Amino acid sequence: MNAGAPNIGAAGGNNGADFDGTEAADEANSQAMQQRKAFEMALGMLAMRIVSDAQADLDSAMDDTEEDV
C-alpha cells in the first residue's frame, strides 16, 4: 500500500454504502450510536427540567409554610 494513498479497502470508494445501496455495518452502528447518544442527552435534559421544576415547587411550598408559622 502506498503511504500517501487513502485506505479505501475492499469496498472501494463507495462512501460506506454496500453495493445494494444500504449502509455498511460500521456506519450503521456509528449512526445508531450517535442516535442513542442524542436520545440519552435529550432524555437527560428532560429529566433535569422535571427535577428543576419539582425543586421550584418544593421551594415555593416551603416558603409558604414558613410564612404560615
Protein backbone atom coordinates (compact mmCIF):
# COMPACT_ATOMS: atom_id res chain seq x y z
CA MET A 1 0.00 0.00 0.00
CA ASN A 2 1.20 3.46 -0.83
CA ALA A 3 1.67 5.57 2.32
CA GLY A 4 0.11 8.61 0.65
CA ALA A 5 -2.91 6.82 -0.80
CA PRO A 6 -6.22 6.76 1.05
CA ASN A 7 -7.23 3.44 2.56
CA ILE A 8 -10.41 2.58 0.69
CA GLY A 9 -10.27 -1.14 1.48
CA ALA A 10 -12.03 -3.91 -0.41
CA ALA A 11 -15.29 -1.97 -0.69
CA GLY A 12 -13.75 0.64 -2.93
CA GLY A 13 -14.76 4.27 -2.88
CA ASN A 14 -18.45 3.77 -2.15
CA ASN A 15 -18.53 6.07 0.90
CA GLY A 16 -19.61 3.37 3.34
CA ALA A 17 -22.52 2.04 1.29
CA ASP A 18 -22.77 -1.59 0.30
CA PHE A 19 -23.23 -2.44 -3.32
CA ASP A 20 -27.01 -2.70 -2.85
CA GLY A 21 -27.11 0.93 -1.64
CA THR A 22 -27.51 0.17 2.06
CA GLU A 23 -25.11 1.42 4.71
CA ALA A 24 -22.14 -0.67 5.75
CA ALA A 25 -22.34 -2.28 9.20
CA ASP A 26 -19.73 0.03 10.77
CA GLU A 27 -21.51 3.14 9.53
CA ALA A 28 -24.93 1.85 10.61
CA ASN A 29 -23.55 1.09 14.09
CA SER A 30 -21.96 4.53 14.23
CA GLN A 31 -25.22 6.17 13.22
CA ALA A 32 -27.14 4.10 15.76
CA MET A 33 -24.64 5.08 18.45
CA GLN A 34 -24.98 8.76 17.55
CA GLN A 35 -28.77 8.48 17.68
CA ARG A 36 -28.55 6.72 21.04
CA LYS A 37 -26.28 9.43 22.44
CA ALA A 38 -28.61 12.14 21.15
CA PHE A 39 -31.61 10.38 22.69
CA GLU A 40 -29.82 9.94 26.01
CA MET A 41 -28.81 13.60 26.02
CA ALA A 42 -32.38 14.71 25.28
CA LEU A 43 -33.72 12.37 27.95
CA GLY A 44 -31.21 13.72 30.45
CA MET A 45 -32.19 17.30 29.64
CA LEU A 46 -35.86 16.43 30.10
CA ALA A 47 -35.13 14.75 33.43
CA MET A 48 -33.18 17.80 34.60
CA ARG A 49 -36.10 20.04 33.62
CA ILE A 50 -38.54 17.88 35.58
CA VAL A 51 -36.27 17.85 38.63
CA SER A 52 -35.74 21.60 38.40
CA ASP A 53 -39.49 22.24 38.21
CA ALA A 54 -40.12 19.90 41.14
CA GLN A 55 -37.43 21.68 43.17
CA ALA A 56 -39.01 25.05 42.39
CA ASP A 57 -42.40 23.75 43.51
CA LEU A 58 -40.87 22.39 46.72
CA ASP A 59 -39.10 25.69 47.41
CA SER A 60 -42.37 27.56 46.88
CA ALA A 61 -44.22 25.22 49.23
CA MET A 62 -41.51 25.59 51.86
CA ASP A 63 -41.72 29.39 51.60
CA ASP A 64 -45.50 29.26 52.04
CA THR A 65 -45.08 27.00 55.08
CA GLU A 66 -42.56 29.37 56.66
CA GLU A 67 -44.90 32.33 56.18
CA ASP A 68 -47.72 30.49 57.95
CA VAL A 69 -45.66 29.87 61.09
